[in-house]
Amino acid sequence: MVFQRYKANLYLIDTVCHFKVIKMKAFRVVGTFNDARQEKGKQPFDIEIADVSADAAKEQTLSTLGSRHKLKRWEIQIAEITEIADADITNPLVKYKVTGE
């Protein structure tokens, strides 16, 4: 099976070449991560993520913050994950992945 992205949709292509459209949703992930340089030892974050589910958005957030800031997963505390409407999206990349515009 292969995943391919075309505009705002993610397609799952199996060996028989059947297509299944997977719609992307926008999520806002809010939380903190450990940072000794900050006063309270925590750095707050607020990230918009485009993914298929809240669990997938959590995994992508952990992966992104871990790679950007050299953090382990246990150093990242996620307070909430909320789905956001298309009109409320501020990140252009997330907006393109969700709406195709």
PDB file of N, CA and C in Angstrom:
ATOM      1  N   MET A   1       0.835  -1.185   0.000  1.00  0.00           N
ATOM      2  CA  MET A   1       0.000   0.000   0.000  1.00  0.00           C
ATOM      3  C   MET A   1       0.875   1.244   0.000  1.00  0.00           C
ATOM      4  N   VAL A   2       0.425   2.243  -0.692  1.00  0.00           N
ATOM      5  CA  VAL A   2       1.172   3.476  -0.845  1.00  0.00           C
ATOM      6  C   VAL A   2       0.240   4.643  -0.575  1.00  0.00           C
ATOM      7  N   PHE A   3       0.727   5.645   0.151  1.00  0.00           N
ATOM      8  CA  PHE A   3      -0.029   6.865   0.355  1.00  0.00           C
ATOM      9  C   PHE A   3       0.476   7.903  -0.621  1.00  0.00           C
ATOM     10  N   GLN A   4      -0.444   8.586  -1.301  1.00  0.00           N
ATOM     11  CA  GLN A   4      -0.079   9.681  -2.179  1.00  0.00           C
ATOM     12  C   GLN A   4      -0.964  10.867  -1.871  1.00  0.00           C
ATOM     13  N   ARG A   5      -0.403  12.072  -1.970  1.00  0.00           N
ATOM     14  CA  ARG A   5      -1.160  13.278  -1.692  1.00  0.00           C
ATOM     15  C   ARG A   5      -1.411  14.012  -3.003  1.00  0.00           C
ATOM     16  N   TYR A   6      -2.671  14.387  -3.231  1.00  0.00           N
ATOM     17  CA  TYR A   6      -3.022  15.220  -4.368  1.00  0.00           C
ATOM     18  C   TYR A   6      -3.940  16.312  -3.857  1.00  0.00           C
ATOM     19  N   LYS A   7      -3.500  17.547  -3.955  1.00  0.00           N
ATOM     20  CA  LYS A   7      -4.221  18.709  -3.429  1.00  0.00           C
ATOM     21  C   LYS A   7      -4.541  18.482  -1.963  1.00  0.00           C
ATOM     22  N   ALA A   8      -5.832  18.533  -1.584  1.00  0.00           N
ATOM     23  CA  ALA A   8      -6.196  18.476  -0.167  1.00  0.00           C
ATOM     24  C   ALA A   8      -6.491  17.070   0.316  1.00  0.00           C
ATOM     25  N   ASN A   9      -6.399  16.072  -0.537  1.00  0.00           N
ATOM     26  CA  ASN A   9      -6.780  14.723  -0.154  1.00  0.00           C
ATOM     27  C   ASN A   9      -5.574  13.805  -0.111  1.00  0.00           C
ATOM     28  N   LEU A  10      -5.654  12.833   0.763  1.00  0.00           N
ATOM     29  CA  LEU A  10      -4.631  11.808   0.870  1.00  0.00           C
ATOM     30  C   LEU A  10      -5.246  10.532   0.308  1.00  0.00           C
ATOM     31  N   TYR A  11      -4.598   9.902  -0.651  1.00  0.00           N
ATOM     32  CA  TYR A  11      -5.129   8.713  -1.281  1.00  0.00           C
ATOM     33  C   TYR A  11      -4.352   7.490  -0.821  1.00  0.00           C
ATOM     34  N   LEU A  12      -5.079   6.449  -0.497  1.00  0.00           N
ATOM     35  CA  LEU A  12      -4.482   5.168  -0.142  1.00  0.00           C
ATOM     36  C   LEU A  12      -4.592   4.271  -1.368  1.00  0.00           C
ATOM     37  N   ILE A  13      -3.448   3.866  -1.906  1.00  0.00           N
ATOM     38  CA  ILE A  13      -3.437   3.045  -3.110  1.00  0.00           C
ATOM     39  C   ILE A  13      -2.937   1.659  -2.731  1.00  0.00           C
ATOM     40  N   ASP A  14      -3.787   0.649  -2.922  1.00  0.00           N
ATOM     41  CA  ASP A  14      -3.337  -0.702  -2.625  1.00  0.00           C
ATOM     42  C   ASP A  14      -2.826  -1.363  -3.907  1.00  0.00           C
ATOM     43  N   THR A  15      -2.480  -2.624  -3.824  1.00  0.00           N
ATOM     44  CA  THR A  15      -1.841  -3.306  -4.948  1.00  0.00           C
ATOM     45  C   THR A  15      -2.780  -3.495  -6.137  1.00  0.00           C
ATOM     46  N   VAL A  16      -4.089  -3.404  -5.932  1.00  0.00           N
ATOM     47  CA  VAL A  16      -5.045  -3.575  -7.014  1.00  0.00           C
ATOM     48  C   VAL A  16      -5.401  -2.223  -7.632  1.00  0.00           C
ATOM     49  N   CYS A  17      -4.804  -1.154  -7.126  1.00  0.00           N
ATOM     50  CA  CYS A  17      -5.002   0.207  -7.617  1.00  0.00           C
ATOM     51  C   CYS A  17      -6.410   0.723  -7.374  1.00  0.00           C
ATOM     52  N   HIS A  18      -6.971   0.444  -6.214  1.00  0.00           N
ATOM     53  CA  HIS A  18      -8.222   1.054  -5.795  1.00  0.00           C
ATOM     54  C   HIS A  18      -7.872   2.310  -5.021  1.00  0.00           C
ATOM     55  N   PHE A  19      -8.635   3.352  -5.223  1.00  0.00           N
ATOM     56  CA  PHE A  19      -8.385   4.609  -4.539  1.00  0.00           C
ATOM     57  C   PHE A  19      -9.411   4.814  -3.437  1.00  0.00           C
ATOM     58  N   LYS A  20      -8.959   5.291  -2.306  1.00  0.00           N
ATOM     59  CA  LYS A  20      -9.833   5.649  -1.202  1.00  0.00           C
ATOM     60  C   LYS A  20      -9.428   7.041  -0.754  1.00  0.00           C
ATOM     61  N   VAL A  21     -10.362   7.959  -0.780  1.00  0.00           N
ATOM     62  CA  VAL A  21     -10.073   9.336  -0.402  1.00  0.00           C
ATOM     63  C   VAL A  21     -10.109   9.455   1.114  1.00  0.00           C
ATOM     64  N   ILE A  22      -9.051  10.012   1.683  1.00  0.00           N
ATOM     65  CA  ILE A  22      -8.970  10.255   3.121  1.00  0.00           C
ATOM     66  C   ILE A  22      -8.942  11.763   3.313  1.00  0.00           C
ATOM     67  N   LYS A  23      -9.979  12.315   3.908  1.00  0.00           N
ATOM     68  CA  LYS A  23     -10.060  13.758   4.099  1.00  0.00           C
ATOM     69  C   LYS A  23      -9.187  14.186   5.276  1.00  0.00           C
ATOM     70  N   MET A  24      -8.471  15.282   5.085  1.00  0.00           N
ATOM     71  CA  MET A  24      -7.626  15.842   6.128  1.00  0.00           C
ATOM     72  C   MET A  24      -8.453  16.806   6.976  1.00  0.00           C
ATOM     73  N   LYS A  25      -8.142  16.880   8.257  1.00  0.00           N
ATOM     74  CA  LYS A  25      -8.781  17.807   9.179  1.00  0.00           C
ATOM     75  C   LYS A  25      -7.702  18.680   9.809  1.00  0.00           C
ATOM     76  N   ALA A  26      -8.100  19.843  10.279  1.00  0.00           N
ATOM     77  CA  ALA A  26      -7.165  20.753  10.937  1.00  0.00           C
ATOM     78  C   ALA A  26      -7.344  20.640  12.445  1.00  0.00           C
ATOM     79  N   PHE A  27      -6.225  20.567  13.166  1.00  0.00           N
ATOM     80  CA  PHE A  27      -6.241  20.472  14.615  1.00  0.00           C
ATOM     81  C   PHE A  27      -5.316  21.533  15.200  1.00  0.00           C
ATOM     82  N   ARG A  28      -5.702  22.083  16.350  1.00  0.00           N
ATOM     83  CA  ARG A  28      -4.837  22.980  17.105  1.00  0.00           C
ATOM     84  C   ARG A  28      -4.370  22.210  18.339  1.00  0.00           C
ATOM     85  N   VAL A  29      -3.058  22.084  18.476  1.00  0.00           N
ATOM     86  CA  VAL A  29      -2.466  21.356  19.596  1.00  0.00           C
ATOM     87  C   VAL A  29      -1.805  22.372  20.516  1.00  0.00           C
ATOM     88  N   VAL A  30      -2.189  22.348  21.795  1.00  0.00           N
ATOM     89  CA  VAL A  30      -1.689  23.299  22.787  1.00  0.00           C
ATOM     90  C   VAL A  30      -1.032  22.515  23.915  1.00  0.00           C
ATOM     91  N   GLY A  31       0.109  23.023  24.393  1.00  0.00           N
ATOM     92  CA  GLY A  31       0.791  22.366  25.503  1.00  0.00           C
ATOM     93  C   GLY A  31       2.080  23.078  25.863  1.00  0.00           C
ATOM     94  N   THR A  32       2.967  22.344  26.540  1.00  0.00           N
ATOM     95  CA  THR A  32       4.268  22.879  26.950  1.00  0.00           C
ATOM     96  C   THR A  32       5.330  21.809  26.743  1.00  0.00           C
ATOM     97  N   PHE A  33       6.583  22.263  26.710  1.00  0.00           N
ATOM     98  CA  PHE A  33       7.687  21.310  26.744  1.00  0.00           C
ATOM     99  C   PHE A  33       8.770  21.847  27.666  1.00  0.00           C
ATOM    100  N   ASN A  34       9.600  20.950  28.163  1.00  0.00           N
ATOM    101  CA  ASN A  34      10.652  21.311  29.114  1.00  0.00           C
ATOM    102  C   ASN A  34      11.713  22.170  28.438  1.00  0.00           C
ATOM    103  N   ASP A  35      12.040  23.304  29.077  1.00  0.00           N
ATOM    104  CA  ASP A  35      13.069  24.192  28.565  1.00  0.00           C
ATOM    105  C   ASP A  35      13.697  24.916  29.750  1.00  0.00           C
ATOM    106  N   ALA A  36      14.915  24.586  30.074  1.00  0.00           N
ATOM    107  CA  ALA A  36      15.592  25.141  31.252  1.00  0.00           C
ATOM    108  C   ALA A  36      15.866  26.633  31.118  1.00  0.00           C
ATOM    109  N   ARG A  37      15.851  27.160  29.901  1.00  0.00           N
ATOM    110  CA  ARG A  37      16.142  28.574  29.697  1.00  0.00           C
ATOM    111  C   ARG A  37      14.972  29.474  30.092  1.00  0.00           C
ATOM    112  N   GLN A  38      13.773  28.912  30.222  1.00  0.00           N
ATOM    113  CA  GLN A  38      12.595  29.691  30.589  1.00  0.00           C
ATOM    114  C   GLN A  38      12.509  29.840  32.105  1.00  0.00           C
ATOM    115  N   GLU A  39      11.763  30.849  32.569  1.00  0.00           N
ATOM    116  CA  GLU A  39      11.634  31.120  34.004  1.00  0.00           C
ATOM    117  C   GLU A  39      11.102  29.914  34.768  1.00  0.00           C
ATOM    118  N   LYS A  40       9.987  29.372  34.318  1.00  0.00           N
ATOM    119  CA  LYS A  40       9.350  28.262  35.021  1.00  0.00           C
ATOM    120  C   LYS A  40       9.798  26.902  34.508  1.00  0.00           C
ATOM    121  N   GLY A  41      10.746  26.883  33.587  1.00  0.00           N
ATOM    122  CA  GLY A  41      11.252  25.627  33.057  1.00  0.00           C
ATOM    123  C   GLY A  41      10.372  25.016  31.986  1.00  0.00           C
ATOM    124  N   LYS A  42       9.333  25.740  31.556  1.00  0.00           N
ATOM    125  CA  LYS A  42       8.408  25.241  30.534  1.00  0.00           C
ATOM    126  C   LYS A  42       8.273  26.261  29.417  1.00  0.00           C
ATOM    127  N   GLN A  43       8.201  25.789  28.200  1.00  0.00           N
ATOM    128  CA  GLN A  43       7.963  26.647  27.039  1.00  0.00           C
ATOM    129  C   GLN A  43       6.586  26.290  26.466  1.00  0.00           C
ATOM    130  N   PRO A  44       5.645  27.230  26.458  1.00  0.00           N
ATOM    131  CA  PRO A  44       4.329  26.924  25.874  1.00  0.00           C
ATOM    132  C   PRO A  44       4.392  26.876  24.348  1.00  0.00           C
ATOM    133  N   PHE A  45       3.505  26.088  23.745  1.00  0.00           N
ATOM    134  CA  PHE A  45       3.411  26.036  22.289  1.00  0.00           C
ATOM    135  C   PHE A  45       1.953  25.924  21.872  1.00  0.00           C
ATOM    136  N   ASP A  46       1.686  26.357  20.654  1.00  0.00           N
ATOM    137  CA  ASP A  46       0.362  26.311  20.035  1.00  0.00           C
ATOM    138  C   ASP A  46       0.597  26.059  18.556  1.00  0.00           C
ATOM    139  N   ILE A  47       0.300  24.845  18.083  1.00  0.00           N
ATOM    140  CA  ILE A  47       0.630  24.440  16.720  1.00  0.00           C
ATOM    141  C   ILE A  47      -0.634  24.019  15.988  1.00  0.00           C
ATOM    142  N   GLU A  48      -0.731  24.394  14.709  1.00  0.00           N
ATOM    143  CA  GLU A  48      -1.798  23.889  13.850  1.00  0.00           C
ATOM    144  C   GLU A  48      -1.246  22.738  13.023  1.00  0.00           C
ATOM    145  N   ILE A  49      -1.986  21.626  13.008  1.00  0.00           N
ATOM    146  CA  ILE A  49      -1.563  20.414  12.328  1.00  0.00           C
ATOM    147  C   ILE A  49      -2.700  19.939  11.426  1.00  0.00           C
ATOM    148  N   ALA A  50      -2.383  19.500  10.227  1.00  0.00           N
ATOM    149  CA  ALA A  50      -3.359  18.869   9.334  1.00  0.00           C
ATOM    150  C   ALA A  50      -3.113  17.368   9.347  1.00  0.00           C
ATOM    151  N   ASP A  51      -4.133  16.613   9.739  1.00  0.00           N
ATOM    152  CA  ASP A  51      -4.003  15.158   9.766  1.00  0.00           C
ATOM    153  C   ASP A  51      -5.392  14.537   9.716  1.00  0.00           C
ATOM    154  N   VAL A  52      -5.450  13.201   9.710  1.00  0.00           N
ATOM    155  CA  VAL A  52      -6.723  12.504   9.554  1.00  0.00           C
ATOM    156  C   VAL A  52      -7.472  12.311  10.868  1.00  0.00           C
ATOM    157  N   SER A  53      -6.777  12.313  12.007  1.00  0.00           N
ATOM    158  CA  SER A  53      -7.433  12.122  13.302  1.00  0.00           C
ATOM    159  C   SER A  53      -6.647  12.844  14.397  1.00  0.00           C
ATOM    160  N   ALA A  54      -7.264  12.938  15.564  1.00  0.00           N
ATOM    161  CA  ALA A  54      -6.606  13.596  16.689  1.00  0.00           C
ATOM    162  C   ALA A  54      -5.388  12.802  17.154  1.00  0.00           C
ATOM    163  N   ASP A  55      -5.465  11.475  17.120  1.00  0.00           N
ATOM    164  CA  ASP A  55      -4.316  10.646  17.510  1.00  0.00           C
ATOM    165  C   ASP A  55      -3.142  10.840  16.554  1.00  0.00           C
ATOM    166  N   ALA A  56      -3.450  10.922  15.269  1.00  0.00           N
ATOM    167  CA  ALA A  56      -2.394  11.149  14.279  1.00  0.00           C
ATOM    168  C   ALA A  56      -1.796  12.546  14.437  1.00  0.00           C
ATOM    169  N   ALA A  57      -2.642  13.526  14.793  1.00  0.00           N
ATOM    170  CA  ALA A  57      -2.146  14.892  15.031  1.00  0.00           C
ATOM    171  C   ALA A  57      -1.231  14.930  16.248  1.00  0.00           C
ATOM    172  N   LYS A  58      -1.554  14.143  17.274  1.00  0.00           N
ATOM    173  CA  LYS A  58      -0.697  14.068  18.468  1.00  0.00           C
ATOM    174  C   LYS A  58       0.663  13.485  18.096  1.00  0.00           C
ATOM    175  N   GLU A  59       0.678  12.403  17.332  1.00  0.00           N
ATOM    176  CA  GLU A  59       1.935  11.789  16.915  1.00  0.00           C
ATOM    177  C   GLU A  59       2.770  12.740  16.066  1.00  0.00           C
ATOM    178  N   GLN A  60       2.112  13.461  15.158  1.00  0.00           N
ATOM    179  CA  GLN A  60       2.843  14.401  14.311  1.00  0.00           C
ATOM    180  C   GLN A  60       3.419  15.548  15.138  1.00  0.00           C
ATOM    181  N   THR A  61       2.681  16.000  16.147  1.00  0.00           N
ATOM    182  CA  THR A  61       3.168  17.065  17.020  1.00  0.00           C
ATOM    183  C   THR A  61       4.392  16.608  17.802  1.00  0.00           C
ATOM    184  N   LEU A  62       4.323  15.415  18.373  1.00  0.00           N
ATOM    185  CA  LEU A  62       5.460  14.879  19.123  1.00  0.00           C
ATOM    186  C   LEU A  62       6.682  14.729  18.220  1.00  0.00           C
ATOM    187  N   SER A  63       6.463  14.263  17.015  1.00  0.00           N
ATOM    188  CA  SER A  63       7.554  14.093  16.062  1.00  0.00           C
ATOM    189  C   SER A  63       8.157  15.435  15.649  1.00  0.00           C
ATOM    190  N   THR A  64       7.299  16.401  15.341  1.00  0.00           N
ATOM    191  CA  THR A  64       7.766  17.719  14.891  1.00  0.00           C
ATOM    192  C   THR A  64       8.541  18.451  15.972  1.00  0.00           C
ATOM    193  N   LEU A  65       7.966  18.515  17.183  1.00  0.00           N
ATOM    194  CA  LEU A  65       8.657  19.211  18.274  1.00  0.00           C
ATOM    195  C   LEU A  65       9.935  18.487  18.668  1.00  0.00           C
ATOM    196  N   GLY A  66       9.914  17.173  18.653  1.00  0.00           N
ATOM    197  CA  GLY A  66      11.110  16.410  18.980  1.00  0.00           C
ATOM    198  C   GLY A  66      12.249  16.675  18.015  1.00  0.00           C
ATOM    199  N   SER A  67      11.921  16.773  16.739  1.00  0.00           N
ATOM    200  CA  SER A  67      12.982  17.005  15.760  1.00  0.00           C
ATOM    201  C   SER A  67      13.450  18.456  15.743  1.00  0.00           C
ATOM    202  N   ARG A  68      12.541  19.404  15.943  1.00  0.00           N
ATOM    203  CA  ARG A  68      12.924  20.819  15.925  1.00  0.00           C
ATOM    204  C   ARG A  68      13.744  21.232  17.144  1.00  0.00           C
ATOM    205  N   HIS A  69      13.378  20.679  18.316  1.00  0.00           N
ATOM    206  CA  HIS A  69      13.988  21.132  19.569  1.00  0.00           C
ATOM    207  C   HIS A  69      14.805  20.061  20.279  1.00  0.00           C
ATOM    208  N   LYS A  70      15.041  18.936  19.611  1.00  0.00           N
ATOM    209  CA  LYS A  70      15.833  17.836  20.192  1.00  0.00           C
ATOM    210  C   LYS A  70      15.248  17.381  21.529  1.00  0.00           C
ATOM    211  N   LEU A  71      13.927  17.116  21.530  1.00  0.00           N
ATOM    212  CA  LEU A  71      13.224  16.710  22.740  1.00  0.00           C
ATOM    213  C   LEU A  71      12.836  15.236  22.660  1.00  0.00           C
ATOM    214  N   LYS A  72      12.742  14.615  23.814  1.00  0.00           N
ATOM    215  CA  LYS A  72      12.185  13.278  23.918  1.00  0.00           C
ATOM    216  C   LYS A  72      10.677  13.417  24.070  1.00  0.00           C
ATOM    217  N   ARG A  73       9.930  12.359  23.764  1.00  0.00           N
ATOM    218  CA  ARG A  73       8.469  12.428  23.857  1.00  0.00           C
ATOM    219  C   ARG A  73       7.988  12.720  25.274  1.00  0.00           C
ATOM    220  N   TRP A  74       8.688  12.219  26.260  1.00  0.00           N
ATOM    221  CA  TRP A  74       8.258  12.441  27.646  1.00  0.00           C
ATOM    222  C   TRP A  74       8.484  13.874  28.105  1.00  0.00           C
ATOM    223  N   GLU A  75       9.256  14.660  27.359  1.00  0.00           N
ATOM    224  CA  GLU A  75       9.496  16.059  27.701  1.00  0.00           C
ATOM    225  C   GLU A  75       8.413  16.990  27.153  1.00  0.00           C
ATOM    226  N   ILE A  76       7.486  16.454  26.373  1.00  0.00           N
ATOM    227  CA  ILE A  76       6.424  17.249  25.756  1.00  0.00           C
ATOM    228  C   ILE A  76       5.108  16.913  26.440  1.00  0.00           C
ATOM    229  N   GLN A  77       4.430  17.943  26.961  1.00  0.00           N
ATOM    230  CA  GLN A  77       3.136  17.764  27.614  1.00  0.00           C
ATOM    231  C   GLN A  77       2.065  18.428  26.750  1.00  0.00           C
ATOM    232  N   ILE A  78       1.135  17.632  26.244  1.00  0.00           N
ATOM    233  CA  ILE A  78       0.048  18.159  25.422  1.00  0.00           C
ATOM    234  C   ILE A  78      -1.166  18.367  26.316  1.00  0.00           C
ATOM    235  N   ALA A  79      -1.660  19.623  26.365  1.00  0.00           N
ATOM    236  CA  ALA A  79      -2.809  19.956  27.199  1.00  0.00           C
ATOM    237  C   ALA A  79      -4.127  19.659  26.492  1.00  0.00           C
ATOM    238  N   GLU A  80      -4.229  20.039  25.204  1.00  0.00           N
ATOM    239  CA  GLU A  80      -5.472  19.787  24.487  1.00  0.00           C
ATOM    240  C   GLU A  80      -5.227  19.713  22.984  1.00  0.00           C
ATOM    241  N   ILE A  81      -6.091  18.941  22.336  1.00  0.00           N
ATOM    242  CA  ILE A  81      -6.103  18.843  20.882  1.00  0.00           C
ATOM    243  C   ILE A  81      -7.536  19.108  20.451  1.00  0.00           C
ATOM    244  N   THR A  82      -7.741  20.183  19.674  1.00  0.00           N
ATOM    245  CA  THR A  82      -9.087  20.530  19.234  1.00  0.00           C
ATOM    246  C   THR A  82      -9.121  20.638  17.713  1.00  0.00           C
ATOM    247  N   GLU A  83     -10.221  20.176  17.137  1.00  0.00           N
ATOM    248  CA  GLU A  83     -10.409  20.326  15.699  1.00  0.00           C
ATOM    249  C   GLU A  83     -10.871  21.753  15.433  1.00  0.00           C
ATOM    250  N   ILE A  84     -10.304  22.379  14.405  1.00  0.00           N
ATOM    251  CA  ILE A  84     -10.659  23.762  14.111  1.00  0.00           C
ATOM    252  C   ILE A  84     -11.331  23.856  12.737  1.00  0.00           C
ATOM    253  N   ALA A  85     -12.177  24.871  12.590  1.00  0.00           N
ATOM    254  CA  ALA A  85     -12.902  25.088  11.342  1.00  0.00           C
ATOM    255  C   ALA A  85     -11.950  25.620  10.274  1.00  0.00           C
ATOM    256  N   ASP A  86     -12.341  25.447   9.021  1.00  0.00           N
ATOM    257  CA  ASP A  86     -11.507  25.899   7.908  1.00  0.00           C
ATOM    258  C   ASP A  86     -11.266  27.406   7.952  1.00  0.00           C
ATOM    259  N   ALA A  87     -12.250  28.168   8.400  1.00  0.00           N
ATOM    260  CA  ALA A  87     -12.124  29.630   8.445  1.00  0.00           C
ATOM    261  C   ALA A  87     -11.155  30.098   9.526  1.00  0.00           C
ATOM    262  N   ASP A  88     -10.912  29.266  10.538  1.00  0.00           N
ATOM    263  CA  ASP A  88     -10.044  29.646  11.660  1.00  0.00           C
ATOM    264  C   ASP A  88      -8.586  29.252  11.461  1.00  0.00           C
ATOM    265  N   ILE A  89      -8.251  28.617  10.356  1.00  0.00           N
ATOM    266  CA  ILE A  89      -6.879  28.171  10.106  1.00  0.00           C
ATOM    267  C   ILE A  89      -6.016  29.375   9.737  1.00  0.00           C
ATOM    268  N   THR A  90      -4.871  29.541  10.414  1.00  0.00           N
ATOM    269  CA  THR A  90      -3.963  30.651  10.125  1.00  0.00           C
ATOM    270  C   THR A  90      -2.716  30.203   9.364  1.00  0.00           C
ATOM    271  N   ASN A  91      -2.302  28.967   9.498  1.00  0.00           N
ATOM    272  CA  ASN A  91      -1.121  28.444   8.819  1.00  0.00           C
ATOM    273  C   ASN A  91      -1.463  28.133   7.361  1.00  0.00           C
ATOM    274  N   PRO A  92      -0.783  28.768   6.389  1.00  0.00           N
ATOM    275  CA  PRO A  92      -1.112  28.538   4.974  1.00  0.00           C
ATOM    276  C   PRO A  92      -0.908  27.090   4.515  1.00  0.00           C
ATOM    277  N   LEU A  93       0.092  26.410   5.036  1.00  0.00           N
ATOM    278  CA  LEU A  93       0.341  25.033   4.646  1.00  0.00           C
ATOM    279  C   LEU A  93      -0.789  24.114   5.131  1.00  0.00           C
ATOM    280  N   VAL A  94      -1.234  24.321   6.364  1.00  0.00           N
ATOM    281  CA  VAL A  94      -2.335  23.527   6.910  1.00  0.00           C
ATOM    282  C   VAL A  94      -3.610  23.815   6.115  1.00  0.00           C
ATOM    283  N   LYS A  95      -3.839  25.080   5.791  1.00  0.00           N
ATOM    284  CA  LYS A  95      -5.030  25.455   5.021  1.00  0.00           C
ATOM    285  C   LYS A  95      -5.022  24.772   3.656  1.00  0.00           C
ATOM    286  N   TYR A  96      -3.872  24.709   2.999  1.00  0.00           N
ATOM    287  CA  TYR A  96      -3.770  24.056   1.696  1.00  0.00           C
ATOM    288  C   TYR A  96      -4.030  22.550   1.818  1.00  0.00           C
ATOM    289  N   LYS A  97      -3.501  21.922   2.851  1.00  0.00           N
ATOM    290  CA  LYS A  97      -3.691  20.487   3.029  1.00  0.00           C
ATOM    291  C   LYS A  97      -5.154  20.149   3.296  1.00  0.00           C
ATOM    292  N   VAL A  98      -5.870  21.022   3.998  1.00  0.00           N
ATOM    293  CA  VAL A  98      -7.254  20.746   4.370  1.00  0.00           C
ATOM    294  C   VAL A  98      -8.222  21.130   3.258  1.00  0.00           C
ATOM    295  N   THR A  99      -8.057  22.332   2.686  1.00  0.00           N
ATOM    296  CA  THR A  99      -9.039  22.828   1.723  1.00  0.00           C
ATOM    297  C   THR A  99      -8.573  22.743   0.274  1.00  0.00           C
ATOM    298  N   GLY A 100      -7.280  22.660   0.048  1.00  0.00           N
ATOM    299  CA  GLY A 100      -6.770  22.623  -1.302  1.00  0.00           C
ATOM    300  C   GLY A 100      -6.614  23.994  -1.934  1.00  0.00           C
ATOM    301  N   GLU A 101      -6.822  25.046  -1.133  1.00  0.00           N
ATOM    302  CA  GLU A 101      -6.720  26.418  -1.644  1.00  0.00           C
ATOM    303  C   GLU A 101      -5.490  27.109  -1.130  1.00  0.00           C
TER     304      GLU A 101
END
